[in-house]
Amino acid sequence: MPRSLTFPLCRFGLLVLVLTLSSFSIMAQSLQEYRWKNRVVEIATPSVDDPTYHAQAAALIAVFPGLLERDIIVLTAPTADQFEIKLIGKDGGKKLSRNTLLSAEELFAIIDAMPMRLEEMKDVPKSD
């Protein structure tokens, strides 16, 4: 069963919910609840103490409003042999997988080029 952990975001004074999952099979089952509602960033790491994981988490925390704007949920699986980050689209399809850090700029560029995101951006009223 997934365990939920929360930790404060000092920069924004908000809480982020990180689901710590014991295996990718559980993660795959959990992804169904986000389909058509959220984009999912999966971070697999050997440990939540891993320096690469800390760097990736810090990069995402720094752009928290952008994650919210793009309907991104971050799931962490601290059971992997090595660091891996994946982007799963709202349709449930894998859009990206890599074993190195993913910058927020690259993440947002990939998402903002997706057809569904382009439609979402059209629906947002522009402020003058």
N, C-alpha and C. Protein backbone atom coordinates (compact mmCIF):
# COMPACT_ATOMS: atom_id res chain seq x y z
N MET A 1 0.84 -1.19 0.00
CA MET A 1 0.00 0.00 0.00
C MET A 1 0.88 1.24 0.00
N PRO A 2 0.48 2.27 -0.73
CA PRO A 2 1.24 3.51 -0.72
C PRO A 2 1.17 4.19 0.63
N ARG A 3 2.27 4.79 1.01
CA ARG A 3 2.30 5.62 2.21
C ARG A 3 2.39 7.06 1.76
N SER A 4 1.78 7.94 2.47
CA SER A 4 1.84 9.36 2.13
C SER A 4 2.72 10.09 3.12
N LEU A 5 3.57 10.93 2.61
CA LEU A 5 4.42 11.78 3.44
C LEU A 5 4.18 13.21 3.02
N THR A 6 4.19 14.11 3.95
CA THR A 6 4.10 15.52 3.60
C THR A 6 5.29 16.23 4.20
N PHE A 7 5.75 17.25 3.50
CA PHE A 7 6.82 18.08 4.04
C PHE A 7 6.59 19.50 3.60
N PRO A 8 6.99 20.47 4.41
CA PRO A 8 6.71 21.86 4.08
C PRO A 8 7.62 22.37 2.98
N LEU A 9 7.09 23.26 2.21
CA LEU A 9 7.86 23.98 1.21
C LEU A 9 8.19 25.33 1.81
N CYS A 10 9.39 25.49 2.23
CA CYS A 10 9.78 26.74 2.90
C CYS A 10 9.51 27.94 2.01
N ARG A 11 9.81 27.83 0.75
CA ARG A 11 9.71 28.98 -0.15
C ARG A 11 8.28 29.46 -0.32
N PHE A 12 7.33 28.56 -0.38
CA PHE A 12 5.95 28.95 -0.67
C PHE A 12 5.01 28.75 0.51
N GLY A 13 5.50 28.17 1.60
CA GLY A 13 4.66 27.96 2.77
C GLY A 13 3.51 27.01 2.51
N LEU A 14 3.67 26.13 1.54
CA LEU A 14 2.62 25.18 1.18
C LEU A 14 3.08 23.77 1.53
N LEU A 15 2.19 22.84 1.43
CA LEU A 15 2.56 21.45 1.61
C LEU A 15 2.49 20.73 0.28
N VAL A 16 3.44 19.86 0.05
CA VAL A 16 3.43 19.02 -1.13
C VAL A 16 3.18 17.60 -0.66
N LEU A 17 2.31 16.93 -1.32
CA LEU A 17 2.05 15.54 -0.99
C LEU A 17 2.91 14.67 -1.89
N VAL A 18 3.75 13.88 -1.28
CA VAL A 18 4.61 12.96 -2.02
C VAL A 18 4.17 11.56 -1.66
N LEU A 19 3.79 10.80 -2.65
CA LEU A 19 3.38 9.44 -2.41
C LEU A 19 4.60 8.55 -2.52
N THR A 20 4.95 7.88 -1.46
CA THR A 20 6.08 6.98 -1.46
C THR A 20 5.54 5.58 -1.71
N LEU A 21 5.96 5.01 -2.81
CA LEU A 21 5.41 3.74 -3.23
C LEU A 21 6.45 2.64 -3.15
N SER A 22 6.01 1.44 -2.80
CA SER A 22 6.96 0.36 -2.58
C SER A 22 7.38 -0.35 -3.86
N SER A 23 6.64 -0.20 -4.94
CA SER A 23 7.07 -0.83 -6.19
C SER A 23 6.42 -0.12 -7.36
N PHE A 24 7.00 -0.34 -8.55
CA PHE A 24 6.44 0.29 -9.73
C PHE A 24 5.11 -0.32 -10.12
N SER A 25 4.83 -1.57 -9.73
CA SER A 25 3.52 -2.14 -10.04
C SER A 25 2.44 -1.38 -9.27
N ILE A 26 2.72 -1.03 -8.02
CA ILE A 26 1.77 -0.21 -7.26
C ILE A 26 1.66 1.16 -7.91
N MET A 27 2.81 1.70 -8.37
CA MET A 27 2.79 3.01 -9.01
C MET A 27 1.92 2.97 -10.26
N ALA A 28 2.04 1.90 -11.05
CA ALA A 28 1.25 1.80 -12.27
C ALA A 28 -0.24 1.78 -11.95
N GLN A 29 -0.63 1.06 -10.89
CA GLN A 29 -2.03 1.05 -10.48
C GLN A 29 -2.46 2.43 -10.02
N SER A 30 -1.59 3.12 -9.30
CA SER A 30 -1.92 4.44 -8.77
C SER A 30 -2.06 5.47 -9.88
N LEU A 31 -1.35 5.28 -10.99
CA LEU A 31 -1.41 6.24 -12.08
C LEU A 31 -2.80 6.36 -12.68
N GLN A 32 -3.59 5.29 -12.62
CA GLN A 32 -4.93 5.33 -13.21
C GLN A 32 -5.79 6.44 -12.61
N GLU A 33 -5.62 6.71 -11.33
CA GLU A 33 -6.45 7.74 -10.70
C GLU A 33 -6.13 9.15 -11.22
N TYR A 34 -4.96 9.32 -11.84
CA TYR A 34 -4.56 10.64 -12.34
C TYR A 34 -4.86 10.81 -13.83
N ARG A 35 -5.18 9.73 -14.51
CA ARG A 35 -5.40 9.79 -15.95
C ARG A 35 -6.50 10.78 -16.29
N TRP A 36 -6.20 11.62 -17.26
CA TRP A 36 -7.06 12.69 -17.78
C TRP A 36 -7.24 13.85 -16.80
N LYS A 37 -6.63 13.77 -15.61
CA LYS A 37 -6.70 14.87 -14.65
C LYS A 37 -5.35 15.53 -14.42
N ASN A 38 -4.31 14.72 -14.38
CA ASN A 38 -2.98 15.24 -14.03
C ASN A 38 -1.90 14.67 -14.93
N ARG A 39 -0.84 15.43 -15.07
CA ARG A 39 0.42 14.92 -15.61
C ARG A 39 1.20 14.41 -14.40
N VAL A 40 1.95 13.35 -14.58
CA VAL A 40 2.67 12.76 -13.46
C VAL A 40 4.16 12.78 -13.75
N VAL A 41 4.92 13.27 -12.78
CA VAL A 41 6.37 13.14 -12.79
C VAL A 41 6.69 12.06 -11.77
N GLU A 42 7.24 10.94 -12.26
CA GLU A 42 7.65 9.84 -11.40
C GLU A 42 9.15 9.96 -11.16
N ILE A 43 9.55 9.95 -9.92
CA ILE A 43 10.98 9.97 -9.60
C ILE A 43 11.31 8.67 -8.87
N ALA A 44 12.12 7.83 -9.52
CA ALA A 44 12.61 6.61 -8.88
C ALA A 44 14.00 6.92 -8.35
N THR A 45 14.27 6.49 -7.14
CA THR A 45 15.54 6.81 -6.50
C THR A 45 15.93 5.67 -5.56
N PRO A 46 17.23 5.46 -5.38
CA PRO A 46 17.64 4.43 -4.43
C PRO A 46 17.23 4.76 -2.99
N SER A 47 17.11 6.05 -2.71
CA SER A 47 16.79 6.49 -1.35
C SER A 47 16.35 7.94 -1.39
N VAL A 48 15.52 8.34 -0.45
CA VAL A 48 15.15 9.75 -0.38
C VAL A 48 16.32 10.60 0.11
N ASP A 49 17.40 9.96 0.53
CA ASP A 49 18.62 10.68 0.93
C ASP A 49 19.60 10.83 -0.22
N ASP A 50 19.27 10.30 -1.40
CA ASP A 50 20.15 10.36 -2.56
C ASP A 50 20.34 11.81 -3.01
N PRO A 51 21.59 12.25 -3.24
CA PRO A 51 21.83 13.65 -3.63
C PRO A 51 21.17 14.05 -4.95
N THR A 52 21.09 13.11 -5.89
CA THR A 52 20.43 13.43 -7.17
C THR A 52 18.95 13.66 -6.94
N TYR A 53 18.34 12.84 -6.09
CA TYR A 53 16.94 13.03 -5.76
C TYR A 53 16.72 14.39 -5.10
N HIS A 54 17.60 14.75 -4.17
CA HIS A 54 17.48 16.06 -3.49
C HIS A 54 17.58 17.20 -4.49
N ALA A 55 18.50 17.09 -5.44
CA ALA A 55 18.65 18.14 -6.45
C ALA A 55 17.41 18.24 -7.32
N GLN A 56 16.85 17.09 -7.72
CA GLN A 56 15.65 17.10 -8.56
C GLN A 56 14.46 17.66 -7.79
N ALA A 57 14.31 17.24 -6.55
CA ALA A 57 13.20 17.75 -5.72
C ALA A 57 13.32 19.26 -5.53
N ALA A 58 14.53 19.75 -5.28
CA ALA A 58 14.73 21.19 -5.11
C ALA A 58 14.38 21.94 -6.38
N ALA A 59 14.74 21.38 -7.54
CA ALA A 59 14.42 22.04 -8.82
C ALA A 59 12.91 22.13 -9.02
N LEU A 60 12.19 21.11 -8.62
CA LEU A 60 10.73 21.12 -8.77
C LEU A 60 10.06 22.03 -7.75
N ILE A 61 10.54 22.00 -6.53
CA ILE A 61 9.98 22.87 -5.48
C ILE A 61 10.13 24.33 -5.86
N ALA A 62 11.25 24.67 -6.50
CA ALA A 62 11.51 26.06 -6.88
C ALA A 62 10.49 26.59 -7.90
N VAL A 63 9.83 25.69 -8.61
CA VAL A 63 8.86 26.12 -9.64
C VAL A 63 7.46 25.58 -9.31
N PHE A 64 7.17 25.48 -8.04
CA PHE A 64 5.90 24.90 -7.59
C PHE A 64 4.67 25.53 -8.28
N PRO A 65 4.58 26.84 -8.42
CA PRO A 65 3.40 27.40 -9.10
C PRO A 65 3.26 26.88 -10.54
N GLY A 66 4.38 26.68 -11.22
CA GLY A 66 4.34 26.13 -12.58
C GLY A 66 3.85 24.70 -12.61
N LEU A 67 4.18 23.93 -11.58
CA LEU A 67 3.67 22.56 -11.48
C LEU A 67 2.15 22.57 -11.32
N LEU A 68 1.67 23.45 -10.45
CA LEU A 68 0.22 23.57 -10.26
C LEU A 68 -0.49 24.00 -11.54
N GLU A 69 0.09 24.98 -12.21
CA GLU A 69 -0.51 25.50 -13.44
C GLU A 69 -0.64 24.42 -14.51
N ARG A 70 0.30 23.48 -14.52
CA ARG A 70 0.31 22.42 -15.52
C ARG A 70 -0.30 21.11 -15.01
N ASP A 71 -0.93 21.14 -13.86
CA ASP A 71 -1.60 19.97 -13.28
C ASP A 71 -0.63 18.81 -13.07
N ILE A 72 0.54 19.10 -12.53
CA ILE A 72 1.57 18.08 -12.34
C ILE A 72 1.52 17.53 -10.91
N ILE A 73 1.52 16.21 -10.81
CA ILE A 73 1.63 15.48 -9.55
C ILE A 73 3.01 14.82 -9.57
N VAL A 74 3.73 14.88 -8.46
CA VAL A 74 5.04 14.25 -8.36
C VAL A 74 4.93 13.02 -7.46
N LEU A 75 5.32 11.87 -8.00
CA LEU A 75 5.34 10.62 -7.24
C LEU A 75 6.78 10.17 -7.08
N THR A 76 7.12 9.70 -5.89
CA THR A 76 8.48 9.25 -5.61
C THR A 76 8.47 7.79 -5.21
N ALA A 77 9.34 7.00 -5.84
CA ALA A 77 9.50 5.59 -5.49
C ALA A 77 10.94 5.39 -5.02
N PRO A 78 11.16 5.29 -3.70
CA PRO A 78 12.52 5.17 -3.19
C PRO A 78 13.01 3.72 -3.11
N THR A 79 12.75 2.95 -4.15
CA THR A 79 13.12 1.54 -4.15
C THR A 79 13.94 1.15 -5.38
N ALA A 80 14.35 2.10 -6.16
CA ALA A 80 15.03 1.82 -7.43
C ALA A 80 16.53 1.60 -7.20
N ASP A 81 17.16 0.96 -8.18
CA ASP A 81 18.61 0.76 -8.13
C ASP A 81 19.36 2.04 -8.48
N GLN A 82 18.72 2.88 -9.31
CA GLN A 82 19.35 4.14 -9.71
C GLN A 82 18.28 5.21 -9.92
N PHE A 83 18.73 6.45 -9.99
CA PHE A 83 17.82 7.57 -10.20
C PHE A 83 17.21 7.48 -11.59
N GLU A 84 15.91 7.73 -11.68
CA GLU A 84 15.22 7.82 -12.97
C GLU A 84 14.04 8.76 -12.80
N ILE A 85 13.82 9.59 -13.82
CA ILE A 85 12.66 10.48 -13.80
C ILE A 85 11.87 10.23 -15.08
N LYS A 86 10.55 10.17 -14.92
CA LYS A 86 9.65 9.94 -16.05
C LYS A 86 8.56 11.01 -16.03
N LEU A 87 8.11 11.35 -17.21
CA LEU A 87 6.95 12.22 -17.37
C LEU A 87 5.85 11.41 -18.03
N ILE A 88 4.70 11.35 -17.37
CA ILE A 88 3.53 10.65 -17.89
C ILE A 88 2.47 11.70 -18.20
N GLY A 89 1.97 11.68 -19.42
CA GLY A 89 0.96 12.65 -19.83
C GLY A 89 -0.40 12.35 -19.24
N LYS A 90 -1.31 13.29 -19.40
CA LYS A 90 -2.67 13.10 -18.90
C LYS A 90 -3.34 11.90 -19.54
N ASP A 91 -2.90 11.53 -20.75
CA ASP A 91 -3.45 10.37 -21.44
C ASP A 91 -2.88 9.05 -20.93
N GLY A 92 -1.93 9.12 -19.99
CA GLY A 92 -1.32 7.92 -19.43
C GLY A 92 -0.09 7.44 -20.18
N GLY A 93 0.27 8.13 -21.26
CA GLY A 93 1.43 7.73 -22.05
C GLY A 93 2.73 8.30 -21.50
N LYS A 94 3.80 7.51 -21.62
CA LYS A 94 5.12 7.97 -21.17
C LYS A 94 5.67 8.95 -22.20
N LYS A 95 5.98 10.16 -21.74
CA LYS A 95 6.46 11.23 -22.61
C LYS A 95 7.97 11.41 -22.53
N LEU A 96 8.56 10.98 -21.41
CA LEU A 96 9.99 11.18 -21.20
C LEU A 96 10.47 10.21 -20.13
N SER A 97 11.68 9.72 -20.30
CA SER A 97 12.33 8.89 -19.28
C SER A 97 13.82 9.14 -19.39
N ARG A 98 14.47 9.43 -18.26
CA ARG A 98 15.91 9.64 -18.25
C ARG A 98 16.49 9.35 -16.89
N ASN A 99 17.81 9.17 -16.87
CA ASN A 99 18.52 8.85 -15.63
C ASN A 99 19.33 10.03 -15.12
N THR A 100 19.08 11.21 -15.66
CA THR A 100 19.77 12.42 -15.23
C THR A 100 18.74 13.45 -14.81
N LEU A 101 19.21 14.49 -14.15
CA LEU A 101 18.32 15.55 -13.70
C LEU A 101 17.57 16.17 -14.87
N LEU A 102 16.35 16.57 -14.60
CA LEU A 102 15.50 17.24 -15.58
C LEU A 102 15.25 18.65 -15.09
N SER A 103 15.67 19.63 -15.87
CA SER A 103 15.46 21.02 -15.45
C SER A 103 13.98 21.37 -15.58
N ALA A 104 13.55 22.29 -14.77
CA ALA A 104 12.17 22.76 -14.84
C ALA A 104 11.88 23.37 -16.20
N GLU A 105 12.85 24.07 -16.75
CA GLU A 105 12.67 24.69 -18.06
C GLU A 105 12.40 23.64 -19.13
N GLU A 106 13.17 22.56 -19.12
CA GLU A 106 12.96 21.50 -20.10
C GLU A 106 11.63 20.79 -19.87
N LEU A 107 11.32 20.50 -18.62
CA LEU A 107 10.04 19.87 -18.29
C LEU A 107 8.88 20.71 -18.80
N PHE A 108 8.91 21.99 -18.51
CA PHE A 108 7.82 22.86 -18.93
C PHE A 108 7.77 23.01 -20.45
N ALA A 109 8.91 23.04 -21.12
CA ALA A 109 8.94 23.14 -22.59
C ALA A 109 8.30 21.90 -23.22
N ILE A 110 8.61 20.73 -22.67
CA ILE A 110 8.03 19.49 -23.19
C ILE A 110 6.51 19.51 -23.00
N ILE A 111 6.07 19.85 -21.81
CA ILE A 111 4.64 19.87 -21.52
C ILE A 111 3.93 20.95 -22.34
N ASP A 112 4.51 22.13 -22.40
CA ASP A 112 3.85 23.25 -23.09
C ASP A 112 3.74 23.03 -24.60
N ALA A 113 4.49 22.06 -25.14
CA ALA A 113 4.40 21.74 -26.57
C ALA A 113 3.36 20.63 -26.84
N MET A 114 2.82 20.03 -25.80
CA MET A 114 1.84 18.95 -25.96
C MET A 114 0.51 19.52 -26.43
N PRO A 115 -0.17 18.81 -27.34
CA PRO A 115 -1.45 19.31 -27.85
C PRO A 115 -2.48 19.62 -26.76
N MET A 116 -2.59 18.77 -25.75
CA MET A 116 -3.57 19.02 -24.69
C MET A 116 -3.22 20.28 -23.92
N ARG A 117 -1.93 20.50 -23.67
CA ARG A 117 -1.50 21.70 -22.95
C ARG A 117 -1.73 22.94 -23.80
N LEU A 118 -1.49 22.84 -25.10
CA LEU A 118 -1.75 23.99 -25.99
C LEU A 118 -3.22 24.39 -25.91
N GLU A 119 -4.11 23.41 -25.86
CA GLU A 119 -5.54 23.70 -25.72
C GLU A 119 -5.83 24.34 -24.36
N GLU A 120 -5.20 23.85 -23.32
CA GLU A 120 -5.40 24.42 -21.98
C GLU A 120 -4.96 25.88 -21.95
N MET A 121 -3.86 26.19 -22.61
CA MET A 121 -3.35 27.56 -22.60
C MET A 121 -4.25 28.50 -23.37
N LYS A 122 -4.96 27.98 -24.39
CA LYS A 122 -5.91 28.82 -25.13
C LYS A 122 -7.09 29.24 -24.26
N ASP A 123 -7.44 28.37 -23.31
CA ASP A 123 -8.61 28.61 -22.45
C ASP A 123 -8.33 29.57 -21.31
N VAL A 124 -7.05 29.90 -21.07
CA VAL A 124 -6.69 30.78 -19.97
C VAL A 124 -6.83 32.23 -20.44
N PRO A 125 -7.67 33.03 -19.76
CA PRO A 125 -7.81 34.43 -20.15
C PRO A 125 -6.50 35.18 -19.92
N LYS A 126 -6.15 36.03 -20.88
CA LYS A 126 -4.93 36.83 -20.76
C LYS A 126 -5.23 38.10 -19.97
N SER A 127 -4.31 38.43 -19.07
CA SER A 127 -4.47 39.66 -18.30
C SER A 127 -3.74 40.78 -19.02
N ASP A 128 -4.29 41.95 -18.96
CA ASP A 128 -3.69 43.11 -19.64
C ASP A 128 -2.82 43.90 -18.72
